[in-house]
Amino acid sequence: MLGLGWSGLIKGLAAFLCILGVVSLALIYFFPAPPSTIAMAVGFKGGSYGLIAERYKDVLAPAHVNLELRTTTGSAEHLKLLQDRNSGVSAAFVQGGISNSKKAPGLLSLGRINY
């Protein structure tokens, strides 16, 4: 054996576990888990955006993601909610052409749902 007794082995194991704990805490701090609840602005109840959002809700449920639907007056309000960091809304359906990259520089589009 490499000249290590039980005490050296235990000290090495304790040091390894401490390093593993510190690395784990650092990873959890710098790379947090994605949220389990997402708020989405969908327009008025019974509208087409609301019906599509209900489908998204069903798709996300098996992954343990709760989609919270917030009714609004329409795309203009959706845009305001997306730009306001305190609104809690992180996704919305916005009608095409209502804004551009100059009016809303921090927003990204994930695509279109219809033409």
C-alpha atoms as a PDB file:
ATOM      1  CA  MET A   1       0.000   0.000   0.000  1.00  0.00           C
ATOM      2  CA  LEU A   2       1.353   3.480  -0.589  1.00  0.00           C
ATOM      3  CA  GLY A   3       2.267   3.964   3.037  1.00  0.00           C
ATOM      4  CA  LEU A   4      -1.191   5.315   3.886  1.00  0.00           C
ATOM      5  CA  GLY A   5      -2.959   3.972   6.903  1.00  0.00           C
ATOM      6  CA  TRP A   6      -6.612   4.193   7.764  1.00  0.00           C
ATOM      7  CA  SER A   7      -6.214   7.739   9.081  1.00  0.00           C
ATOM      8  CA  GLY A   8      -4.696   8.941   5.792  1.00  0.00           C
ATOM      9  CA  LEU A   9      -7.468   7.247   3.833  1.00  0.00           C
ATOM     10  CA  ILE A  10     -10.184   8.831   5.977  1.00  0.00           C
ATOM     11  CA  LYS A  11      -8.540  12.271   5.720  1.00  0.00           C
ATOM     12  CA  GLY A  12      -8.355  11.921   1.937  1.00  0.00           C
ATOM     13  CA  LEU A  13     -12.005  10.835   1.734  1.00  0.00           C
ATOM     14  CA  ALA A  14     -13.068  13.767   3.955  1.00  0.00           C
ATOM     15  CA  ALA A  15     -11.107  16.212   1.776  1.00  0.00           C
ATOM     16  CA  PHE A  16     -12.671  14.745  -1.375  1.00  0.00           C
ATOM     17  CA  LEU A  17     -16.187  15.043   0.060  1.00  0.00           C
ATOM     18  CA  CYS A  18     -15.548  18.667   1.109  1.00  0.00           C
ATOM     19  CA  ILE A  19     -14.314  19.557  -2.376  1.00  0.00           C
ATOM     20  CA  LEU A  20     -17.290  17.771  -3.939  1.00  0.00           C
ATOM     21  CA  GLY A  21     -19.667  19.716  -1.654  1.00  0.00           C
ATOM     22  CA  VAL A  22     -18.102  23.082  -2.495  1.00  0.00           C
ATOM     23  CA  VAL A  23     -18.217  22.344  -6.242  1.00  0.00           C
ATOM     24  CA  SER A  24     -21.853  21.215  -5.978  1.00  0.00           C
ATOM     25  CA  LEU A  25     -22.872  24.390  -4.128  1.00  0.00           C
ATOM     26  CA  ALA A  26     -21.038  26.558  -6.664  1.00  0.00           C
ATOM     27  CA  LEU A  27     -22.791  24.825  -9.566  1.00  0.00           C
ATOM     28  CA  ILE A  28     -26.193  25.196  -7.915  1.00  0.00           C
ATOM     29  CA  TYR A  29     -25.531  28.894  -7.300  1.00  0.00           C
ATOM     30  CA  PHE A  30     -24.236  29.733 -10.782  1.00  0.00           C
ATOM     31  CA  PHE A  31     -26.537  27.396 -12.755  1.00  0.00           C
ATOM     32  CA  PRO A  32     -29.923  27.376 -10.989  1.00  0.00           C
ATOM     33  CA  ALA A  33     -32.697  25.059 -12.105  1.00  0.00           C
ATOM     34  CA  PRO A  34     -35.244  26.451 -14.564  1.00  0.00           C
ATOM     35  CA  PRO A  35     -38.490  27.728 -13.028  1.00  0.00           C
ATOM     36  CA  SER A  36     -41.266  25.233 -12.409  1.00  0.00           C
ATOM     37  CA  THR A  37     -43.944  27.884 -13.030  1.00  0.00           C
ATOM     38  CA  ILE A  38     -44.152  30.086 -16.119  1.00  0.00           C
ATOM     39  CA  ALA A  39     -46.617  32.968 -16.477  1.00  0.00           C
ATOM     40  CA  MET A  40     -48.020  33.565 -19.964  1.00  0.00           C
ATOM     41  CA  ALA A  41     -50.253  36.406 -21.158  1.00  0.00           C
ATOM     42  CA  VAL A  42     -52.966  34.963 -23.407  1.00  0.00           C
ATOM     43  CA  GLY A  43     -55.617  37.583 -24.136  1.00  0.00           C
ATOM     44  CA  PHE A  44     -59.264  37.242 -23.255  1.00  0.00           C
ATOM     45  CA  LYS A  45     -60.793  33.970 -22.080  1.00  0.00           C
ATOM     46  CA  GLY A  46     -62.029  31.744 -24.896  1.00  0.00           C
ATOM     47  CA  GLY A  47     -59.918  33.501 -27.538  1.00  0.00           C
ATOM     48  CA  SER A  48     -57.609  31.712 -29.956  1.00  0.00           C
ATOM     49  CA  TYR A  49     -54.482  32.585 -27.964  1.00  0.00           C
ATOM     50  CA  GLY A  50     -56.088  31.158 -24.836  1.00  0.00           C
ATOM     51  CA  LEU A  51     -56.991  27.913 -26.591  1.00  0.00           C
ATOM     52  CA  ILE A  52     -53.450  27.501 -27.927  1.00  0.00           C
ATOM     53  CA  ALA A  53     -52.024  28.258 -24.487  1.00  0.00           C
ATOM     54  CA  GLU A  54     -54.201  25.499 -23.001  1.00  0.00           C
ATOM     55  CA  ARG A  55     -52.477  23.061 -25.370  1.00  0.00           C
ATOM     56  CA  TYR A  56     -49.087  24.323 -24.194  1.00  0.00           C
ATOM     57  CA  LYS A  57     -50.261  23.805 -20.628  1.00  0.00           C
ATOM     58  CA  ASP A  58     -51.062  20.157 -21.387  1.00  0.00           C
ATOM     59  CA  VAL A  59     -47.704  19.644 -23.121  1.00  0.00           C
ATOM     60  CA  LEU A  60     -45.700  21.127 -20.219  1.00  0.00           C
ATOM     61  CA  ALA A  61     -47.610  19.331 -17.435  1.00  0.00           C
ATOM     62  CA  PRO A  62     -45.818  15.944 -17.826  1.00  0.00           C
ATOM     63  CA  ALA A  63     -42.482  17.774 -17.355  1.00  0.00           C
ATOM     64  CA  HIS A  64     -43.804  19.169 -14.017  1.00  0.00           C
ATOM     65  CA  VAL A  65     -43.952  22.723 -15.386  1.00  0.00           C
ATOM     66  CA  ASN A  66     -47.004  24.728 -14.350  1.00  0.00           C
ATOM     67  CA  LEU A  67     -48.129  27.211 -17.009  1.00  0.00           C
ATOM     68  CA  GLU A  68     -50.025  30.064 -15.375  1.00  0.00           C
ATOM     69  CA  LEU A  69     -52.313  31.795 -17.886  1.00  0.00           C
ATOM     70  CA  ARG A  70     -53.068  35.498 -17.403  1.00  0.00           C
ATOM     71  CA  THR A  71     -55.943  37.044 -19.278  1.00  0.00           C
ATOM     72  CA  THR A  72     -55.351  40.472 -20.795  1.00  0.00           C
ATOM     73  CA  THR A  73     -56.934  42.899 -23.232  1.00  0.00           C
ATOM     74  CA  GLY A  74     -54.685  41.980 -26.164  1.00  0.00           C
ATOM     75  CA  SER A  75     -51.286  42.165 -27.815  1.00  0.00           C
ATOM     76  CA  ALA A  76     -50.509  45.749 -26.769  1.00  0.00           C
ATOM     77  CA  GLU A  77     -50.870  44.789 -23.108  1.00  0.00           C
ATOM     78  CA  HIS A  78     -48.848  41.604 -23.716  1.00  0.00           C
ATOM     79  CA  LEU A  79     -45.990  43.719 -25.038  1.00  0.00           C
ATOM     80  CA  LYS A  80     -46.114  45.999 -21.973  1.00  0.00           C
ATOM     81  CA  LEU A  81     -46.141  43.005 -19.609  1.00  0.00           C
ATOM     82  CA  LEU A  82     -43.164  41.420 -21.362  1.00  0.00           C
ATOM     83  CA  GLN A  83     -41.152  44.625 -21.110  1.00  0.00           C
ATOM     84  CA  ASP A  84     -41.993  45.117 -17.409  1.00  0.00           C
ATOM     85  CA  ARG A  85     -39.656  42.880 -15.377  1.00  0.00           C
ATOM     86  CA  ASN A  86     -41.910  43.208 -12.310  1.00  0.00           C
ATOM     87  CA  SER A  87     -45.016  41.847 -14.080  1.00  0.00           C
ATOM     88  CA  GLY A  88     -43.981  38.213 -13.681  1.00  0.00           C
ATOM     89  CA  VAL A  89     -44.975  37.422 -17.277  1.00  0.00           C
ATOM     90  CA  SER A  90     -42.204  35.631 -19.147  1.00  0.00           C
ATOM     91  CA  ALA A  91     -44.076  34.583 -22.300  1.00  0.00           C
ATOM     92  CA  ALA A  92     -46.968  35.874 -24.370  1.00  0.00           C
ATOM     93  CA  PHE A  93     -48.617  35.652 -27.745  1.00  0.00           C
ATOM     94  CA  VAL A  94     -48.141  38.947 -29.571  1.00  0.00           C
ATOM     95  CA  GLN A  95     -49.696  39.824 -32.890  1.00  0.00           C
ATOM     96  CA  GLY A  96     -47.144  40.230 -35.690  1.00  0.00           C
ATOM     97  CA  GLY A  97     -46.145  43.772 -36.615  1.00  0.00           C
ATOM     98  CA  ILE A  98     -47.116  45.321 -33.289  1.00  0.00           C
ATOM     99  CA  SER A  99     -43.485  46.041 -32.397  1.00  0.00           C
ATOM    100  CA  ASN A 100     -39.943  45.783 -33.685  1.00  0.00           C
ATOM    101  CA  SER A 101     -36.414  45.512 -32.324  1.00  0.00           C
ATOM    102  CA  LYS A 102     -36.130  49.294 -31.923  1.00  0.00           C
ATOM    103  CA  LYS A 103     -39.316  49.638 -29.846  1.00  0.00           C
ATOM    104  CA  ALA A 104     -38.658  46.519 -27.746  1.00  0.00           C
ATOM    105  CA  PRO A 105     -34.909  45.829 -27.854  1.00  0.00           C
ATOM    106  CA  GLY A 106     -34.841  43.218 -25.089  1.00  0.00           C
ATOM    107  CA  LEU A 107     -37.556  40.918 -26.443  1.00  0.00           C
ATOM    108  CA  LEU A 108     -37.004  37.828 -28.555  1.00  0.00           C
ATOM    109  CA  SER A 109     -39.475  36.009 -30.738  1.00  0.00           C
ATOM    110  CA  LEU A 110     -39.564  32.239 -30.625  1.00  0.00           C
ATOM    111  CA  GLY A 111     -41.508  31.991 -33.875  1.00  0.00           C
ATOM    112  CA  ARG A 112     -44.935  32.146 -35.402  1.00  0.00           C
ATOM    113  CA  ILE A 113     -47.971  30.074 -34.585  1.00  0.00           C
ATOM    114  CA  ASN A 114     -50.055  30.998 -37.632  1.00  0.00           C
ATOM    115  CA  TYR A 115     -49.933  33.135 -40.768  1.00  0.00           C
END
